[in-house]
C-alpha atoms as a PDB file:
ATOM      1  CA  MET A   1      91.054 104.459  73.853  1.00  0.00           C
ATOM      2  CA  PRO A   2      93.492 105.991  76.326  1.00  0.00           C
ATOM      3  CA  ASN A   3      94.732 109.409  76.074  1.00  0.00           C
ATOM      4  CA  ARG A   4      98.580 109.336  75.360  1.00  0.00           C
ATOM      5  CA  PRO A   5     100.396 109.786  78.814  1.00  0.00           C
ATOM      6  CA  GLY A   6     102.337 113.055  79.442  1.00  0.00           C
ATOM      7  CA  TRP A   7     105.278 110.745  80.183  1.00  0.00           C
ATOM      8  CA  ALA A   8     104.914 108.748  77.021  1.00  0.00           C
ATOM      9  CA  SER A   9     107.776 109.388  74.026  1.00  0.00           C
ATOM     10  CA  GLY A  10     105.851 107.078  71.904  1.00  0.00           C
ATOM     11  CA  ALA A  11     101.968 105.113  72.075  1.00  0.00           C
ATOM     12  CA  GLY A  12      99.542 103.078  69.486  1.00  0.00           C
ATOM     13  CA  HIS A  13      98.076 100.142  69.297  1.00  0.00           C
ATOM     14  CA  ASP A  14      98.404  97.037  68.025  1.00  0.00           C
ATOM     15  CA  THR A  15      96.597  93.089  68.357  1.00  0.00           C
ATOM     16  CA  HIS A  16      97.525  92.755  72.553  1.00  0.00           C
ATOM     17  CA  GLY A  17      95.695  96.384  72.920  1.00  0.00           C
ATOM     18  CA  HIS A  18      97.332  99.907  73.767  1.00  0.00           C
ATOM     19  CA  TRP A  19     100.671 100.649  74.648  1.00  0.00           C
ATOM     20  CA  ALA A  20     102.810 103.925  75.481  1.00  0.00           C
ATOM     21  CA  GLU A  21     107.023 104.025  75.603  1.00  0.00           C
ATOM     22  CA  LEU A  22     109.059 105.352  78.710  1.00  0.00           C
ATOM     23  CA  ALA A  23     112.013 106.903  77.798  1.00  0.00           C
ATOM     24  CA  LEU A  24     115.758 107.396  79.396  1.00  0.00           C
ATOM     25  CA  GLY A  25     118.148 108.372  77.111  1.00  0.00           C
ATOM     26  CA  ARG A  26     118.723 105.502  74.983  1.00  0.00           C
ATOM     27  CA  VAL A  27     116.935 103.009  77.528  1.00  0.00           C
ATOM     28  CA  SER A  28     113.032 102.822  77.186  1.00  0.00           C
ATOM     29  CA  GLN A  29     110.679 100.417  78.861  1.00  0.00           C
ATOM     30  CA  ARG A  30     106.987  99.402  76.922  1.00  0.00           C
ATOM     31  CA  LEU A  31     103.850  99.554  79.264  1.00  0.00           C
ATOM     32  CA  ARG A  32     100.597  97.849  78.215  1.00  0.00           C
ATOM     33  CA  PHE A  33      97.476  99.558  79.275  1.00  0.00           C
ATOM     34  CA  ILE A  34      95.378  97.344  81.289  1.00  0.00           C
ATOM     35  CA  PRO A  35      91.825  98.578  81.545  1.00  0.00           C
ATOM     36  CA  ALA A  36      89.716  98.422  84.539  1.00  0.00           C
ATOM     37  CA  GLY A  37      87.530  94.962  85.087  1.00  0.00           C
ATOM     38  CA  GLY A  38      87.020  91.640  87.330  1.00  0.00           C
ATOM     39  CA  PHE A  39      88.355  88.675  87.408  1.00  0.00           C
ATOM     40  CA  ARG A  40      88.489  85.352  89.784  1.00  0.00           C
ATOM     41  CA  MET A  41      91.601  85.683  92.348  1.00  0.00           C
ATOM     42  CA  GLY A  42      92.847  83.167  93.802  1.00  0.00           C
ATOM     43  CA  SER A  43      92.839  79.727  93.279  1.00  0.00           C
ATOM     44  CA  PRO A  44      90.370  76.896  93.154  1.00  0.00           C
ATOM     45  CA  ALA A  45      90.662  73.417  95.785  1.00  0.00           C
ATOM     46  CA  SER A  46      91.234  71.341  92.977  1.00  0.00           C
ATOM     47  CA  GLU A  47      94.125  73.472  91.643  1.00  0.00           C
ATOM     48  CA  PRO A  48      97.531  71.129  92.399  1.00  0.00           C
ATOM     49  CA  GLY A  49      99.724  72.777  94.187  1.00  0.00           C
ATOM     50  CA  ARG A  50      97.161  74.999  95.761  1.00  0.00           C
ATOM     51  CA  LYS A  51      98.107  77.109  98.865  1.00  0.00           C
ATOM     52  CA  GLN A  52      95.921  77.825 102.193  1.00  0.00           C
ATOM     53  CA  ASP A  53      96.467  82.033 101.504  1.00  0.00           C
ATOM     54  CA  GLU A  54      95.255  82.050  97.864  1.00  0.00           C
ATOM     55  CA  LEU A  55      91.551  82.919  98.633  1.00  0.00           C
ATOM     56  CA  HIS A  56      89.740  81.991  95.932  1.00  0.00           C
ATOM     57  CA  ARG A  57      87.006  84.682  94.884  1.00  0.00           C
ATOM     58  CA  TRP A  58      85.628  87.608  92.456  1.00  0.00           C
ATOM     59  CA  VAL A  59      87.586  91.031  92.876  1.00  0.00           C
ATOM     60  CA  THR A  60      86.802  94.010  90.672  1.00  0.00           C
ATOM     61  CA  ILE A  61      89.739  96.353  89.399  1.00  0.00           C
ATOM     62  CA  ASP A  62      88.281  99.788  89.659  1.00  0.00           C
ATOM     63  CA  SER A  63      90.396 101.556  87.502  1.00  0.00           C
ATOM     64  CA  PRO A  64      92.944 101.463  84.635  1.00  0.00           C
ATOM     65  CA  PHE A  65      96.605 101.761  84.782  1.00  0.00           C
ATOM     66  CA  TRP A  66      99.622 100.657  83.048  1.00  0.00           C
ATOM     67  CA  LEU A  67     101.984  98.347  83.924  1.00  0.00           C
ATOM     68  CA  ALA A  68     105.805  97.068  82.476  1.00  0.00           C
ATOM     69  CA  ASP A  69     106.003  94.315  79.654  1.00  0.00           C
ATOM     70  CA  THR A  70     109.041  93.145  81.093  1.00  0.00           C
ATOM     71  CA  ALA A  71     110.086  92.579  84.742  1.00  0.00           C
ATOM     72  CA  CYS A  72     112.944  95.962  85.189  1.00  0.00           C
ATOM     73  CA  THR A  73     115.989  95.112  83.248  1.00  0.00           C
ATOM     74  CA  GLN A  74     119.431  96.206  84.437  1.00  0.00           C
ATOM     75  CA  ALA A  75     119.615  98.764  81.144  1.00  0.00           C
ATOM     76  CA  LEU A  76     116.668 100.159  82.945  1.00  0.00           C
ATOM     77  CA  TRP A  77     117.764 100.078  86.804  1.00  0.00           C
ATOM     78  CA  GLN A  78     121.127 101.376  85.846  1.00  0.00           C
ATOM     79  CA  ALA A  79     119.831 104.129  83.883  1.00  0.00           C
ATOM     80  CA  VAL A  80     117.732 105.801  86.821  1.00  0.00           C
ATOM     81  CA  THR A  81     119.881 104.660  90.078  1.00  0.00           C
ATOM     82  CA  GLY A  82     123.673 104.457  88.464  1.00  0.00           C
ATOM     83  CA  GLN A  83     123.801 101.777  90.277  1.00  0.00           C
ATOM     84  CA  GLN A  84     124.247  97.459  89.287  1.00  0.00           C
ATOM     85  CA  PRO A  85     123.514  95.400  91.518  1.00  0.00           C
ATOM     86  CA  SER A  86     122.741  92.079  89.832  1.00  0.00           C
ATOM     87  CA  GLN A  87     124.772  88.796  90.089  1.00  0.00           C
ATOM     88  CA  PHE A  88     124.014  87.743  86.951  1.00  0.00           C
ATOM     89  CA  ARG A  89     125.285  90.553  84.580  1.00  0.00           C
ATOM     90  CA  GLY A  90     123.314  91.266  81.048  1.00  0.00           C
ATOM     91  CA  GLU A  91     121.515  94.849  79.595  1.00  0.00           C
ATOM     92  CA  ASP A  92     118.644  92.864  78.889  1.00  0.00           C
ATOM     93  CA  LEU A  93     118.146  90.484  82.144  1.00  0.00           C
ATOM     94  CA  PRO A  94     115.931  91.579  84.450  1.00  0.00           C
ATOM     95  CA  VAL A  95     117.466  93.678  87.794  1.00  0.00           C
ATOM     96  CA  GLU A  96     117.835  91.405  90.767  1.00  0.00           C
ATOM     97  CA  GLN A  97     119.612  91.784  94.269  1.00  0.00           C
ATOM     98  CA  VAL A  98     117.134  94.160  94.904  1.00  0.00           C
ATOM     99  CA  SER A  99     115.321  95.362  98.240  1.00  0.00           C
ATOM    100  CA  TRP A 100     111.652  96.081  98.246  1.00  0.00           C
ATOM    101  CA  ASP A 101     113.170  99.182 100.111  1.00  0.00           C
ATOM    102  CA  ALA A 102     115.733  99.621  96.943  1.00  0.00           C
ATOM    103  CA  VAL A 103     113.020  99.327  94.693  1.00  0.00           C
ATOM    104  CA  ASN A 104     110.705 102.440  96.370  1.00  0.00           C
ATOM    105  CA  ALA A 105     113.958 104.647  97.669  1.00  0.00           C
ATOM    106  CA  ARG A 106     116.255 104.465  95.122  1.00  0.00           C
ATOM    107  CA  PHE A 107     114.621 103.700  92.215  1.00  0.00           C
ATOM    108  CA  PHE A 108     110.777 104.866  91.629  1.00  0.00           C
ATOM    109  CA  SER A 109     112.110 108.260  94.235  1.00  0.00           C
ATOM    110  CA  GLU A 110     114.469 108.806  91.304  1.00  0.00           C
ATOM    111  CA  LEU A 111     112.456 108.262  88.391  1.00  0.00           C
ATOM    112  CA  ASN A 112     109.130 110.165  89.629  1.00  0.00           C
ATOM    113  CA  ARG A 113     111.575 112.444  90.445  1.00  0.00           C
ATOM    114  CA  ARG A 114     113.063 112.780  87.206  1.00  0.00           C
ATOM    115  CA  LEU A 115     109.422 112.591  85.351  1.00  0.00           C
ATOM    116  CA  PRO A 116     107.165 114.413  87.990  1.00  0.00           C
ATOM    117  CA  GLU A 117     103.470 113.230  86.133  1.00  0.00           C
ATOM    118  CA  LEU A 118     104.949 109.424  86.126  1.00  0.00           C
ATOM    119  CA  ASN A 119     103.916 108.351  89.335  1.00  0.00           C
ATOM    120  CA  ALA A 120     105.276 105.328  89.276  1.00  0.00           C
ATOM    121  CA  MET A 121     104.779 102.312  91.564  1.00  0.00           C
ATOM    122  CA  LEU A 122     104.798  98.514  92.478  1.00  0.00           C
ATOM    123  CA  PRO A 123     101.723  97.065  91.158  1.00  0.00           C
ATOM    124  CA  THR A 124      99.409  95.760  94.190  1.00  0.00           C
ATOM    125  CA  GLU A 125      99.084  91.961  94.019  1.00  0.00           C
ATOM    126  CA  VAL A 126      95.803  92.165  92.552  1.00  0.00           C
ATOM    127  CA  GLN A 127      96.148  94.297  90.039  1.00  0.00           C
ATOM    128  CA  TRP A 128      99.384  91.927  89.827  1.00  0.00           C
ATOM    129  CA  GLU A 129      97.856  88.763  89.169  1.00  0.00           C
ATOM    130  CA  PHE A 130      94.722  89.938  87.074  1.00  0.00           C
ATOM    131  CA  ALA A 131      97.622  91.314  84.849  1.00  0.00           C
ATOM    132  CA  CYS A 132      99.700  88.138  84.567  1.00  0.00           C
ATOM    133  CA  ARG A 133      95.841  86.428  84.079  1.00  0.00           C
ATOM    134  CA  ALA A 134      94.839  88.285  81.138  1.00  0.00           C
ATOM    135  CA  GLY A 135      91.282  86.545  81.225  1.00  0.00           C
ATOM    136  CA  THR A 136      92.297  83.568  81.929  1.00  0.00           C
ATOM    137  CA  GLU A 137      91.575  80.884  85.163  1.00  0.00           C
ATOM    138  CA  THR A 138      93.866  78.613  85.088  1.00  0.00           C
ATOM    139  CA  ALA A 139      96.623  78.290  86.960  1.00  0.00           C
ATOM    140  CA  PHE A 140      98.893  79.432  84.046  1.00  0.00           C
ATOM    141  CA  HIS A 141      97.788  81.786  81.291  1.00  0.00           C
ATOM    142  CA  TRP A 142      98.263  79.342  78.834  1.00  0.00           C
ATOM    143  CA  GLY A 143      96.840  77.060  80.788  1.00  0.00           C
ATOM    144  CA  ASP A 144      97.107  73.982  83.488  1.00  0.00           C
ATOM    145  CA  GLY A 145      99.513  71.324  83.574  1.00  0.00           C
ATOM    146  CA  PRO A 146     103.126  70.759  83.828  1.00  0.00           C
ATOM    147  CA  ILE A 147     104.958  73.407  82.362  1.00  0.00           C
ATOM    148  CA  PRO A 148     105.857  73.642  79.190  1.00  0.00           C
ATOM    149  CA  PRO A 149     109.873  73.971  78.461  1.00  0.00           C
ATOM    150  CA  ASP A 150     109.214  76.510  76.148  1.00  0.00           C
ATOM    151  CA  HIS A 151     106.735  78.089  78.317  1.00  0.00           C
ATOM    152  CA  ALA A 152     108.533  79.449  81.745  1.00  0.00           C
ATOM    153  CA  HIS A 153     112.630  79.818  83.780  1.00  0.00           C
ATOM    154  CA  HIS A 154     111.773  77.692  86.773  1.00  0.00           C
ATOM    155  CA  ALA A 155     114.451  75.758  88.653  1.00  0.00           C
ATOM    156  CA  SER A 156     113.785  72.242  86.406  1.00  0.00           C
ATOM    157  CA  CYS A 157     115.391  74.590  83.352  1.00  0.00           C
ATOM    158  CA  GLN A 158     119.070  75.448  81.910  1.00  0.00           C
ATOM    159  CA  PRO A 159     120.801  77.741  82.608  1.00  0.00           C
ATOM    160  CA  ARG A 160     120.885  77.997  86.578  1.00  0.00           C
ATOM    161  CA  GLN A 161     119.881  81.702  86.121  1.00  0.00           C
ATOM    162  CA  THR A 162     118.026  84.455  84.654  1.00  0.00           C
ATOM    163  CA  VAL A 163     117.798  85.147  81.265  1.00  0.00           C
ATOM    164  CA  PRO A 164     116.614  87.911  78.579  1.00  0.00           C
ATOM    165  CA  VAL A 165     113.830  89.571  79.784  1.00  0.00           C
ATOM    166  CA  ARG A 166     111.900  88.650  76.513  1.00  0.00           C
ATOM    167  CA  THR A 167     112.325  84.870  76.573  1.00  0.00           C
ATOM    168  CA  PHE A 168     109.737  82.630  75.465  1.00  0.00           C
ATOM    169  CA  GLU A 169     105.959  84.016  74.485  1.00  0.00           C
ATOM    170  CA  PRO A 170     103.902  86.948  76.093  1.00  0.00           C
ATOM    171  CA  ASN A 171     100.278  86.042  77.670  1.00  0.00           C
ATOM    172  CA  ALA A 172      97.194  87.801  75.488  1.00  0.00           C
ATOM    173  CA  TRP A 173      97.780  91.252  76.957  1.00  0.00           C
ATOM    174  CA  CYS A 174     101.911  90.962  75.993  1.00  0.00           C
ATOM    175  CA  LEU A 175     102.699  90.976  79.056  1.00  0.00           C
ATOM    176  CA  TRP A 176     106.649  88.897  79.330  1.00  0.00           C
ATOM    177  CA  GLN A 177     107.362  86.212  81.871  1.00  0.00           C
ATOM    178  CA  MET A 178     105.215  86.905  84.243  1.00  0.00           C
ATOM    179  CA  HIS A 179     105.854  83.065  85.019  1.00  0.00           C
ATOM    180  CA  GLY A 180     109.317  82.387  86.011  1.00  0.00           C
ATOM    181  CA  ASN A 181     112.847  84.136  85.938  1.00  0.00           C
ATOM    182  CA  VAL A 182     113.123  86.539  88.755  1.00  0.00           C
ATOM    183  CA  MET A 183     109.677  86.951  91.606  1.00  0.00           C
ATOM    184  CA  GLU A 184     108.605  89.945  91.231  1.00  0.00           C
ATOM    185  CA  TRP A 185     107.442  92.727  94.360  1.00  0.00           C
ATOM    186  CA  CYS A 186     104.145  93.905  94.734  1.00  0.00           C
ATOM    187  CA  ALA A 187     103.216  96.878  96.706  1.00  0.00           C
ATOM    188  CA  GLN A 188     101.806  96.177  99.934  1.00  0.00           C
ATOM    189  CA  THR A 189     102.384  94.231 102.986  1.00  0.00           C
ATOM    190  CA  THR A 190     101.238  90.173 104.027  1.00  0.00           C
ATOM    191  CA  ALA A 191      97.832  89.662 105.058  1.00  0.00           C
ATOM    192  CA  PRO A 192      97.032  90.377 108.351  1.00  0.00           C
ATOM    193  CA  GLY A 193      98.683  88.308 111.157  1.00  0.00           C
ATOM    194  CA  GLY A 194     101.690  88.381 108.830  1.00  0.00           C
ATOM    195  CA  ARG A 195     105.144  90.507 109.936  1.00  0.00           C
ATOM    196  CA  GLY A 196     105.373  94.114 109.380  1.00  0.00           C
ATOM    197  CA  ASP A 197     108.853  93.720 107.607  1.00  0.00           C
ATOM    198  CA  GLU A 198     107.132  91.024 105.048  1.00  0.00           C
ATOM    199  CA  ARG A 199     105.972  92.110 101.476  1.00  0.00           C
ATOM    200  CA  VAL A 200     104.405  89.496  99.063  1.00  0.00           C
ATOM    201  CA  VAL A 201     106.140  88.543  95.871  1.00  0.00           C
ATOM    202  CA  ARG A 202     104.247  86.869  92.683  1.00  0.00           C
ATOM    203  CA  GLY A 203     105.498  84.916  89.360  1.00  0.00           C
ATOM    204  CA  GLY A 204     108.574  82.501  90.706  1.00  0.00           C
ATOM    205  CA  SER A 205     111.662  82.222  90.035  1.00  0.00           C
ATOM    206  CA  TRP A 206     114.553  80.730  88.108  1.00  0.00           C
ATOM    207  CA  SER A 207     115.241  78.787  91.188  1.00  0.00           C
ATOM    208  CA  SER A 208     111.498  78.171  92.553  1.00  0.00           C
ATOM    209  CA  ASN A 209     109.325  75.149  91.716  1.00  0.00           C
ATOM    210  CA  ALA A 210     106.887  74.954  89.345  1.00  0.00           C
ATOM    211  CA  ARG A 211     103.888  75.639  91.693  1.00  0.00           C
ATOM    212  CA  THR A 212     105.394  78.564  92.760  1.00  0.00           C
ATOM    213  CA  LEU A 213     105.167  80.118  89.003  1.00  0.00           C
ATOM    214  CA  ARG A 214     101.266  79.769  89.338  1.00  0.00           C
ATOM    215  CA  SER A 215      99.031  83.216  88.714  1.00  0.00           C
ATOM    216  CA  ALA A 216      97.692  82.629  92.296  1.00  0.00           C
ATOM    217  CA  CYS A 217     100.383  81.946  94.251  1.00  0.00           C
ATOM    218  CA  ARG A 218     102.191  84.134  96.980  1.00  0.00           C
ATOM    219  CA  VAL A 219     104.944  84.221  98.121  1.00  0.00           C
ATOM    220  CA  GLU A 220     106.302  86.390 101.733  1.00  0.00           C
ATOM    221  CA  ARG A 221     110.160  88.165 101.319  1.00  0.00           C
ATOM    222  CA  SER A 222     111.385  90.344 104.217  1.00  0.00           C
ATOM    223  CA  ARG A 223     111.086  93.497 103.036  1.00  0.00           C
ATOM    224  CA  SER A 224     115.062  94.299 103.213  1.00  0.00           C
ATOM    225  CA  SER A 225     116.080  90.809 101.417  1.00  0.00           C
ATOM    226  CA  ALA A 226     118.278  91.745  98.062  1.00  0.00           C
ATOM    227  CA  ARG A 227     118.122  87.940  96.640  1.00  0.00           C
ATOM    228  CA  ASN A 228     119.506  86.667  92.960  1.00  0.00           C
ATOM    229  CA  ASP A 229     115.483  85.703  92.032  1.00  0.00           C
ATOM    230  CA  LEU A 230     113.824  88.965  93.295  1.00  0.00           C
ATOM    231  CA  GLY A 231     113.152  91.638  90.839  1.00  0.00           C
ATOM    232  CA  PHE A 232     110.468  93.745  89.216  1.00  0.00           C
ATOM    233  CA  ARG A 233     107.622  95.539  87.083  1.00  0.00           C
ATOM    234  CA  LEU A 234     106.952  99.434  87.466  1.00  0.00           C
ATOM    235  CA  ALA A 235     102.973 100.215  87.495  1.00  0.00           C
ATOM    236  CA  VAL A 236     101.468 103.452  86.426  1.00  0.00           C
ATOM    237  CA  PRO A 237      98.135 105.029  87.242  1.00  0.00           C
ATOM    238  CA  ALA A 238      95.994 106.030  84.338  1.00  0.00           C
ATOM    239  CA  ARG A 239      94.848 109.198  84.052  1.00  0.00           C
ATOM    240  CA  GLY A 240      92.227 110.834  81.387  1.00  0.00           C
END
């Protein structure tokens, strides 16, 4: 069992695993403990919608980490930065219209200044996909085939905007909406040969077609891009 982190206002264990609570005033964010382990990243050649950059290979996560159970909400962003950049307004909606640069320079720099022991950051691509799959090897964490209307929010769904971050059922590790709603920034640049200002986003969004919601799908955006379908979730190293 992981030690309770020093930054946590509360911690516990349930049927999905270990959790810890990060509190900033009246706003809180639950993080789930993601264990070290191995998984098959990318997609097999037979997966519908597959792209060439989804290299299918075994990858090992050497160190456990904590991952926010939802995309960063507008309430949390405002509690940290004092700003409200989103087009679609609502405290329990994901923050959007935040660039990779803004996430790092405004949100993480201020959050880590307030809680120096936290060391919050964006997840790597490997961490993101490992957490999204939660032990599965199918196109989505619930299986293959078309997306049922009660499983994820994408371009064929109504309303034509973001929905609250705890809509639908979470995956086996109690992570909500790893598929759809907003695309989520990852920490690193694109693959070798890509443009230097590009960063990878994962998970698809309310404006994306269904195939981009797959666990393996990679999309690249300029690090300065701030769109109404772009958000993020925070990761924290696990210590002790």
